Amino acid sequence: MMKTTSILTISLLSALPAVGCMSFGQKDPAPPPTAFNRVTPVSYEEEVQRGQSPDETPPTVDRAWWDPTGVGQRALEVTGHNSQDKSLAKQLFAKGEALYEEGLATEGADREKKMLEAVGYFKRAALYQPGTALEEDSLMYAGECYFFIDYYADATTQYDNLIKKHPNTKHLDVIDVRRFKLARYWLDRYTKDRPWAIQPNFTDEQMPTFDSFGNAIKLFDLIRLDDPTGDLADDATLAAANAHFREANFETADRFYTDLRQNFPTSEHQFNAHYLGVVTKMKVYQGPDYDGKPLDDAEKLLTRMKRQFPDKTQENIEVVEKLDYDIRAAKAQRLWFMAAFYDQRSDFAGARHYYRKIIQEYPSSNMATTAKDRLAEIEGRPDSPTPPGQFLYSWLDRRNDRPQAAATPIQNIATAPDEETDRR
């Protein structure tokens, strides 16, 4: 007998604020762009075969004649030594589904009681039909039972178990939506409550036992890994990046933004990933005392963003110009730092190089005026500093005894003929 079961539909992903102005040196704003479209409502509808075919005898009980209490059978189920039994599996599934539908029609403690009872039947049904569609549906129903009574951590565990046993499950789209919703909920609760990562939770069934932030990011990762071509894969990547951005984990956020740019080229979030990628790289840059690669990467990414998204750039011209200005100012400051470094060491060759570079690349800046004045001051000074006490050990310098380069390149090949040259 064929029967179609419908599960409640859900809508997800409310739009986040649009791009706003960002000013470095002030308090870090929330990542501006995350404009999710609302997910198309999905429903869990599949055909489930239950009961027996006309030539089979319908089962009446789920206990064997030798085990009237059911204790022995349960022991076999727990230890995994139960044998496959298609008829019993269908009977258990039917009981679980009936309780599930009754639970949806009630509220409060009655719903929780019926759903938890239904979970037990679904899990038992899965044990008697491993690797089949009935096991797949049973595990999905068990996860849904937990979800609709707000046992969110148990629900995610059940979804994980389903995908582990059935990687290409037909319920993957629904699981993605569930995971995304739970991840967003856990992040919101984490932002509000700010629990410690090692602070255990033994009372709230809606939250994980430990580390709600880490578990939320894990759910985003599972969406990306289990369904990389799904509708929510790019959304999950951006959401994970934004979550790390808000926590000032800028290097991790940068990796997620880079992943979004490289692995989801057709995503609607490409402009946001470029813009926030530039902002994040500027946050990773620690100043002229440290590596300047993040600054160079930010400049290249901003240039690419302007070329690839001219319309979006024009719409957000103020924040883009602010980013451009900040990058140029940071690069100019880095050049000035290098010039001052060599100047203080009396290494005037290096100082002149960087002062001239400042004048060449930033001619209209106040640094260029100062650089010109300093070049005039060090005019005529030796390129390299004279080591103190050089006259005491100058006789140790044997460079004058070394062969000198000849005037022409041909004569500079060898300083003296060898045996092979004589024979030729």
Protein backbone atom coordinates (compact mmCIF):
# COMPACT_ATOMS: atom_id res chain seq x y z
CA MET A 1 0.00 0.00 0.00
CA MET A 2 1.41 3.36 -0.98
CA LYS A 3 0.98 6.40 1.18
CA THR A 4 2.37 9.95 0.86
CA THR A 5 3.48 11.76 4.02
CA SER A 6 3.95 15.55 4.13
CA ILE A 7 6.17 17.28 6.70
CA LEU A 8 5.85 20.95 7.62
CA THR A 9 7.64 23.38 5.32
CA ILE A 10 10.02 26.02 6.58
CA SER A 11 11.41 29.32 5.32
CA LEU A 12 14.90 30.44 6.11
CA LEU A 13 17.62 33.00 5.80
CA SER A 14 16.29 36.49 6.47
CA ALA A 15 18.23 39.21 4.70
CA LEU A 16 21.15 40.79 6.51
CA PRO A 17 21.98 44.50 6.27
CA ALA A 18 23.23 45.84 2.98
CA VAL A 19 26.70 47.22 2.42
CA GLY A 20 27.45 50.18 4.62
CA CYS A 21 30.35 52.51 5.18
CA MET A 22 33.34 51.13 6.99
CA SER A 23 35.96 53.24 8.71
CA PHE A 24 39.26 51.82 9.90
CA GLY A 25 40.39 53.05 13.26
CA GLN A 26 36.83 52.91 14.58
CA LYS A 27 34.95 49.99 16.10
CA ASP A 28 34.74 47.04 13.75
CA PRO A 29 31.31 46.95 12.12
CA ALA A 30 29.39 43.79 11.40
CA PRO A 31 30.17 42.43 7.93
CA PRO A 32 27.97 44.58 5.71
CA PRO A 33 26.91 42.47 2.74
CA THR A 34 24.94 39.26 3.16
CA ALA A 35 21.80 39.52 1.07
CA PHE A 36 20.36 36.01 1.08
CA ASN A 37 17.36 35.22 -1.02
CA ARG A 38 14.70 33.42 0.90
CA VAL A 39 15.02 29.69 0.45
CA THR A 40 12.28 28.14 -1.61
CA PRO A 41 10.00 26.26 0.79
CA VAL A 42 10.84 22.59 0.79
CA SER A 43 8.76 19.67 1.92
CA TYR A 44 9.64 16.16 2.95
CA GLU A 45 7.49 14.03 0.67
CA GLU A 46 8.33 10.51 -0.29
CA GLU A 47 6.55 7.26 -0.90
CA VAL A 48 7.03 4.74 1.87
CA GLN A 49 6.02 1.11 1.44
CA ARG A 50 4.53 -0.39 4.53
CA GLY A 51 2.53 -3.51 5.37
CA GLN A 52 2.79 -6.67 3.35
CA SER A 53 2.11 -7.65 -0.22
CA PRO A 54 -1.06 -9.75 -0.77
CA ASP A 55 0.91 -13.01 -0.68
CA GLU A 56 2.48 -12.22 2.72
CA THR A 57 0.98 -12.61 6.17
CA PRO A 58 0.77 -9.25 7.98
CA PRO A 59 2.80 -9.14 11.16
CA THR A 60 0.82 -8.79 14.35
CA VAL A 61 3.45 -8.29 17.04
CA ASP A 62 7.10 -7.20 17.19
CA ARG A 63 8.07 -9.83 19.78
CA ALA A 64 9.11 -13.42 19.15
CA TRP A 65 7.32 -16.34 20.78
CA TRP A 66 10.46 -17.19 22.74
CA ASP A 67 10.75 -13.62 24.12
CA PRO A 68 7.32 -12.43 25.32
CA THR A 69 8.82 -9.52 27.30
CA GLY A 70 10.92 -8.26 24.38
CA VAL A 71 14.03 -8.02 26.56
CA GLY A 72 16.03 -10.52 24.55
CA GLN A 73 15.15 -8.87 21.27
CA ARG A 74 16.13 -5.46 22.58
CA ALA A 75 19.44 -6.87 23.77
CA LEU A 76 20.13 -8.15 20.25
CA GLU A 77 19.25 -4.73 18.82
CA VAL A 78 21.56 -2.92 21.20
CA THR A 79 24.48 -5.24 20.47
CA GLY A 80 23.84 -5.18 16.73
CA HIS A 81 23.29 -8.94 16.48
CA ASN A 82 19.69 -8.75 15.31
CA SER A 83 18.89 -10.32 11.95
CA GLN A 84 17.21 -8.47 9.10
CA ASP A 85 13.45 -8.60 9.20
CA LYS A 86 11.62 -6.66 6.53
CA SER A 87 8.14 -7.31 7.93
CA LEU A 88 9.10 -6.24 11.43
CA ALA A 89 10.88 -3.16 10.12
CA LYS A 90 7.76 -2.04 8.25
CA GLN A 91 5.60 -2.64 11.30
CA LEU A 92 7.92 -0.59 13.53
CA PHE A 93 8.04 2.18 10.91
CA ALA A 94 4.24 2.33 10.73
CA LYS A 95 3.97 2.68 14.51
CA GLY A 96 6.62 5.40 14.52
CA GLU A 97 4.89 7.33 11.77
CA ALA A 98 1.53 7.17 13.52
CA LEU A 99 3.08 8.59 16.69
CA TYR A 100 4.90 11.23 14.66
CA GLU A 101 1.66 12.47 13.07
CA GLU A 102 -0.07 12.49 16.43
CA GLY A 103 2.82 14.50 17.87
CA LEU A 104 2.58 17.13 15.15
CA ALA A 105 -1.08 17.60 15.99
CA THR A 106 -0.36 18.32 19.68
CA GLU A 107 1.71 20.81 21.62
CA GLY A 108 3.86 20.96 24.73
CA ALA A 109 4.59 17.90 26.82
CA ASP A 110 2.26 15.65 24.80
CA ARG A 111 4.15 16.41 21.60
CA GLU A 112 7.50 15.75 23.25
CA LYS A 113 6.30 12.44 24.68
CA LYS A 114 4.89 11.15 21.39
CA MET A 115 7.87 12.31 19.35
CA LEU A 116 10.41 10.66 21.65
CA GLU A 117 8.39 7.45 21.53
CA ALA A 118 8.28 7.69 17.74
CA VAL A 119 12.07 8.10 17.65
CA GLY A 120 12.46 4.75 19.37
CA TYR A 121 10.34 3.00 16.75
CA PHE A 122 12.13 4.67 13.84
CA LYS A 123 15.55 3.76 15.19
CA ARG A 124 14.48 0.15 15.70
CA ALA A 125 12.99 -0.02 12.20
CA ALA A 126 16.31 1.15 10.75
CA LEU A 127 18.14 -1.68 12.53
CA TYR A 128 16.12 -4.35 10.74
CA GLN A 129 16.59 -2.94 7.22
CA PRO A 130 20.18 -1.57 6.94
CA GLY A 131 21.20 -0.09 3.60
CA THR A 132 17.63 0.23 2.33
CA ALA A 133 15.26 3.07 1.57
CA LEU A 134 13.29 2.15 4.68
CA GLU A 135 16.38 2.73 6.84
CA GLU A 136 16.98 6.04 5.07
CA ASP A 137 13.42 7.22 5.73
CA SER A 138 13.47 5.96 9.32
CA LEU A 139 16.63 7.88 10.16
CA MET A 140 15.22 11.01 8.56
CA TYR A 141 11.98 10.71 10.52
CA ALA A 142 13.95 10.24 13.74
CA GLY A 143 15.88 13.44 13.06
CA GLU A 144 12.65 15.30 12.29
CA CYS A 145 11.09 14.10 15.54
CA TYR A 146 14.00 15.61 17.47
CA PHE A 147 13.85 18.80 15.40
CA PHE A 148 10.17 19.51 16.04
CA ILE A 149 10.54 19.18 19.80
CA ASP A 150 13.62 21.44 19.81
CA TYR A 151 16.16 18.71 20.63
CA TYR A 152 18.50 20.37 18.19
CA ALA A 153 21.78 18.70 19.14
CA ASP A 154 20.14 15.25 18.88
CA ALA A 155 18.58 16.22 15.56
CA THR A 156 21.96 17.16 14.06
CA THR A 157 23.46 13.90 15.30
CA GLN A 158 20.65 11.98 13.61
CA TYR A 159 21.08 13.89 10.33
CA ASP A 160 24.83 13.18 10.44
CA ASN A 161 24.13 9.49 10.95
CA LEU A 162 21.76 9.46 7.98
CA ILE A 163 24.27 11.10 5.63
CA LYS A 164 27.05 8.81 6.85
CA LYS A 165 24.99 5.76 5.88
CA HIS A 166 23.35 7.29 2.80
CA PRO A 167 25.67 9.98 1.35
CA ASN A 168 23.39 10.60 -1.63
CA THR A 169 20.18 10.66 0.36
CA LYS A 170 17.12 12.23 -1.22
CA HIS A 171 16.62 14.23 1.99
CA LEU A 172 19.85 16.20 1.63
CA ASP A 173 18.14 19.46 0.61
CA VAL A 174 15.92 19.39 3.69
CA ILE A 175 18.87 18.55 5.94
CA ASP A 176 20.82 21.51 4.52
CA VAL A 177 17.99 23.86 5.41
CA ARG A 178 17.70 22.38 8.90
CA ARG A 179 21.44 22.68 9.48
CA PHE A 180 21.57 26.26 8.26
CA LYS A 181 18.71 27.28 10.50
CA LEU A 182 20.26 25.58 13.54
CA ALA A 183 23.69 27.11 12.87
CA ARG A 184 22.20 30.60 12.70
CA TYR A 185 20.23 29.96 15.89
CA TRP A 186 23.31 28.73 17.78
CA LEU A 187 25.31 31.75 16.61
CA ASP A 188 22.58 34.13 17.76
CA ARG A 189 22.46 32.45 21.16
CA TYR A 190 26.25 32.50 21.39
CA THR A 191 26.36 36.22 20.61
CA LYS A 192 23.71 36.91 23.24
CA ASP A 193 24.94 34.62 26.07
CA ARG A 194 28.69 34.49 25.38
CA PRO A 195 29.34 31.15 27.13
CA TRP A 196 32.88 29.80 27.50
CA ALA A 197 33.94 27.14 25.04
CA ILE A 198 34.57 24.72 27.93
CA GLN A 199 31.39 25.64 29.79
CA PRO A 200 29.16 22.54 29.67
CA ASN A 201 25.45 22.61 28.94
CA PHE A 202 23.39 19.86 30.59
CA THR A 203 19.97 21.53 30.81
CA ASP A 204 19.14 23.17 27.46
CA GLU A 205 18.22 20.62 24.77
CA GLN A 206 18.34 23.34 22.12
CA MET A 207 22.08 23.91 22.53
CA PRO A 208 25.14 21.64 22.16
CA THR A 209 26.87 20.36 25.27
CA PHE A 210 30.03 22.38 24.52
CA ASP A 211 31.16 25.20 22.23
CA SER A 212 28.04 26.50 20.52
CA PHE A 213 30.11 28.74 18.22
CA GLY A 214 32.31 25.87 17.04
CA ASN A 215 29.32 23.59 16.50
CA ALA A 216 27.57 26.28 14.45
CA ILE A 217 30.62 26.64 12.21
CA LYS A 218 30.75 22.84 11.94
CA LEU A 219 27.19 22.80 10.60
CA PHE A 220 28.13 25.38 7.94
CA ASP A 221 31.10 23.21 7.01
CA LEU A 222 28.94 20.09 6.75
CA ILE A 223 26.61 21.88 4.35
CA ARG A 224 29.61 22.76 2.19
CA LEU A 225 31.20 19.31 2.39
CA ASP A 226 28.15 17.05 2.17
CA ASP A 227 26.42 19.04 -0.59
CA PRO A 228 29.05 21.23 -2.33
CA THR A 229 26.78 21.88 -5.32
CA GLY A 230 23.68 22.54 -3.24
CA ASP A 231 21.80 25.81 -3.13
CA LEU A 232 23.07 26.67 0.35
CA ALA A 233 26.77 25.80 -0.05
CA ASP A 234 27.84 29.35 -0.95
CA ASP A 235 25.47 30.82 1.64
CA ALA A 236 27.03 28.62 4.32
CA THR A 237 30.53 29.68 3.27
CA LEU A 238 29.67 33.37 3.54
CA ALA A 239 27.85 32.87 6.85
CA ALA A 240 30.87 31.07 8.34
CA ALA A 241 33.20 33.82 7.10
CA ASN A 242 30.98 36.54 8.57
CA ALA A 243 30.79 34.71 11.90
CA HIS A 244 34.58 34.60 12.16
CA PHE A 245 34.78 38.25 11.05
CA ARG A 246 32.50 39.32 13.89
CA GLU A 247 34.70 37.41 16.34
CA ALA A 248 37.82 39.16 14.94
CA ASN A 249 39.20 35.84 13.65
CA PHE A 250 40.36 37.65 10.55
CA GLU A 251 42.78 35.06 9.16
CA THR A 252 40.12 32.33 9.34
CA ALA A 253 37.52 34.66 7.85
CA ASP A 254 39.92 35.46 5.01
CA ARG A 255 40.22 31.75 4.19
CA PHE A 256 36.43 31.40 3.96
CA TYR A 257 36.09 34.51 1.76
CA THR A 258 38.87 33.17 -0.48
CA ASP A 259 37.10 29.81 -0.68
CA LEU A 260 33.88 31.53 -1.69
CA ARG A 261 35.61 33.54 -4.44
CA GLN A 262 37.46 30.54 -5.85
CA ASN A 263 34.98 27.67 -5.50
CA PHE A 264 31.67 29.43 -6.15
CA PRO A 265 32.37 31.69 -9.15
CA THR A 266 28.67 32.01 -10.06
CA SER A 267 27.51 32.83 -6.55
CA GLU A 268 25.44 35.94 -6.00
CA HIS A 269 27.78 36.74 -3.10
CA GLN A 270 30.88 37.24 -5.26
CA PHE A 271 30.99 41.03 -4.87
CA ASN A 272 30.49 40.71 -1.13
CA ALA A 273 33.27 38.12 -0.94
CA HIS A 274 35.63 40.47 -2.81
CA TYR A 275 34.75 43.53 -0.75
CA LEU A 276 34.91 41.77 2.61
CA GLY A 277 38.05 39.96 1.47
CA VAL A 278 39.77 43.33 1.01
CA VAL A 279 38.58 44.53 4.41
CA THR A 280 39.74 41.31 6.07
CA LYS A 281 43.19 41.46 4.50
CA MET A 282 43.56 45.00 5.80
CA LYS A 283 42.69 43.67 9.24
CA VAL A 284 45.26 40.89 8.92
CA TYR A 285 47.98 43.43 8.03
CA GLN A 286 49.74 44.34 11.29
CA GLY A 287 51.69 47.39 10.23
CA PRO A 288 55.03 48.32 8.62
CA ASP A 289 56.99 46.28 11.17
CA TYR A 290 55.51 43.07 9.75
CA ASP A 291 55.02 41.28 6.44
CA GLY A 292 53.46 43.44 3.74
CA LYS A 293 51.92 40.58 1.74
CA PRO A 294 48.37 41.09 3.10
CA LEU A 295 48.59 44.72 1.98
CA ASP A 296 49.70 43.73 -1.53
CA ASP A 297 46.96 41.08 -1.71
CA ALA A 298 44.34 43.63 -0.63
CA GLU A 299 45.43 46.03 -3.37
CA LYS A 300 45.27 43.31 -6.04
CA LEU A 301 41.88 42.11 -4.85
CA LEU A 302 40.46 45.64 -4.83
CA THR A 303 41.69 46.20 -8.39
CA ARG A 304 40.09 42.93 -9.50
CA MET A 305 36.83 43.86 -7.79
CA LYS A 306 36.66 47.21 -9.63
CA ARG A 307 37.20 45.51 -12.99
CA GLN A 308 34.87 42.57 -12.38
CA PHE A 309 31.99 44.47 -10.77
CA PRO A 310 31.97 48.02 -12.16
CA ASP A 311 28.25 48.54 -11.49
CA LYS A 312 28.44 47.30 -7.91
CA THR A 313 31.57 49.36 -7.37
CA GLN A 314 29.80 52.50 -8.54
CA GLU A 315 26.84 51.78 -6.27
CA ASN A 316 29.20 51.58 -3.28
CA ILE A 317 31.74 54.12 -4.50
CA GLU A 318 32.20 55.81 -1.10
CA VAL A 319 33.30 52.69 0.79
CA VAL A 320 35.39 51.50 -2.17
CA GLU A 321 37.23 54.84 -2.36
CA LYS A 322 37.78 54.70 1.39
CA LEU A 323 39.35 51.26 1.03
CA ASP A 324 41.51 52.50 -1.84
CA TYR A 325 42.69 55.46 0.23
CA ASP A 326 43.50 53.29 3.26
CA ILE A 327 45.54 50.87 1.17
CA ARG A 328 47.56 53.64 -0.46
CA ALA A 329 48.15 55.32 2.90
CA ALA A 330 49.36 52.06 4.42
CA LYS A 331 51.71 51.40 1.49
CA ALA A 332 53.11 54.95 1.71
CA GLN A 333 53.62 54.54 5.43
CA ARG A 334 55.48 51.31 4.78
CA LEU A 335 57.85 53.05 2.33
CA TRP A 336 58.47 55.83 4.84
CA PHE A 337 59.21 53.28 7.55
CA MET A 338 61.83 51.61 5.33
CA ALA A 339 63.40 54.95 4.39
CA ALA A 340 63.63 55.99 8.04
CA PHE A 341 65.08 52.61 8.98
CA TYR A 342 67.99 52.95 6.53
CA ASP A 343 68.39 56.65 7.35
CA GLN A 344 68.84 55.91 11.05
CA ARG A 345 71.51 53.33 10.22
CA SER A 346 73.36 55.90 8.09
CA ASP A 347 72.82 53.59 5.13
CA PHE A 348 72.14 56.51 2.84
CA ALA A 349 71.98 54.42 -0.34
CA GLY A 350 68.93 52.55 0.96
CA ALA A 351 67.44 55.73 2.40
CA ARG A 352 67.77 57.55 -0.94
CA HIS A 353 66.12 54.61 -2.73
CA TYR A 354 63.02 54.69 -0.58
CA TYR A 355 62.77 58.49 -0.38
CA ARG A 356 62.85 58.65 -4.19
CA LYS A 357 60.22 55.88 -4.38
CA ILE A 358 57.92 57.91 -2.12
CA ILE A 359 58.34 60.97 -4.34
CA GLN A 360 57.71 58.88 -7.47
CA GLU A 361 54.63 56.95 -6.28
CA TYR A 362 53.02 59.58 -4.02
CA PRO A 363 54.07 62.94 -5.46
CA SER A 364 51.12 64.87 -4.01
CA SER A 365 51.44 63.58 -0.45
CA ASN A 366 53.02 65.43 2.45
CA MET A 367 55.48 62.56 2.70
CA ALA A 368 56.84 63.49 -0.73
CA THR A 369 57.65 67.03 0.45
CA THR A 370 59.44 65.73 3.54
CA ALA A 371 61.29 63.13 1.47
CA LYS A 372 62.60 65.88 -0.87
CA ASP A 373 63.82 67.90 2.08
CA ARG A 374 65.60 64.89 3.56
CA LEU A 375 67.24 64.01 0.24
CA ALA A 376 68.72 67.49 0.13
CA GLU A 377 70.07 67.07 3.67
CA ILE A 378 71.86 63.77 2.96
CA GLU A 379 73.21 64.92 -0.40
CA GLY A 380 76.87 63.95 -0.74
CA ARG A 381 76.94 61.61 2.24
CA PRO A 382 78.52 58.16 1.71
CA ASP A 383 76.22 55.36 0.61
CA SER A 384 77.37 53.01 3.39
CA PRO A 385 78.31 53.88 6.96
CA THR A 386 82.00 53.70 7.96
CA PRO A 387 82.45 51.00 10.60
CA PRO A 388 83.94 52.35 13.87
CA GLY A 389 87.66 51.68 14.27
CA GLN A 390 88.08 50.64 10.66
CA PHE A 391 91.62 52.02 10.53
CA LEU A 392 92.68 49.46 13.18
CA TYR A 393 91.82 46.39 11.13
CA SER A 394 91.87 47.66 7.55
CA TRP A 395 95.15 45.81 6.94
CA LEU A 396 93.19 42.56 7.29
CA ASP A 397 91.22 43.34 4.16
CA ARG A 398 92.76 41.16 1.42
CA ARG A 399 90.41 42.24 -1.37
CA ASN A 400 93.24 44.00 -3.19
CA ASP A 401 95.00 40.65 -3.61
CA ARG A 402 92.08 39.10 -5.47
CA PRO A 403 92.04 38.93 -9.31
CA GLN A 404 90.48 42.06 -10.79
CA ALA A 405 87.85 41.91 -13.46
CA ALA A 406 89.23 42.65 -16.92
CA ALA A 407 87.99 45.52 -19.06
CA THR A 408 86.24 43.28 -21.57
CA PRO A 409 83.92 40.35 -20.82
CA ILE A 410 85.99 37.96 -22.95
CA GLN A 411 89.14 38.54 -20.90
CA ASN A 412 87.13 38.10 -17.70
CA ILE A 413 86.37 34.42 -18.44
CA ALA A 414 89.60 33.25 -16.73
CA THR A 415 92.37 34.94 -14.80
CA ALA A 416 95.07 32.49 -15.90
CA PRO A 417 95.45 29.89 -18.69
CA ASP A 418 95.01 26.25 -17.75
CA GLU A 419 96.39 23.06 -19.33
CA GLU A 420 93.36 22.62 -21.55
CA THR A 421 93.84 26.13 -22.89
CA ASP A 422 97.52 25.43 -23.72
CA ARG A 423 96.64 22.28 -25.66
CA ARG A 424 94.06 24.15 -27.70
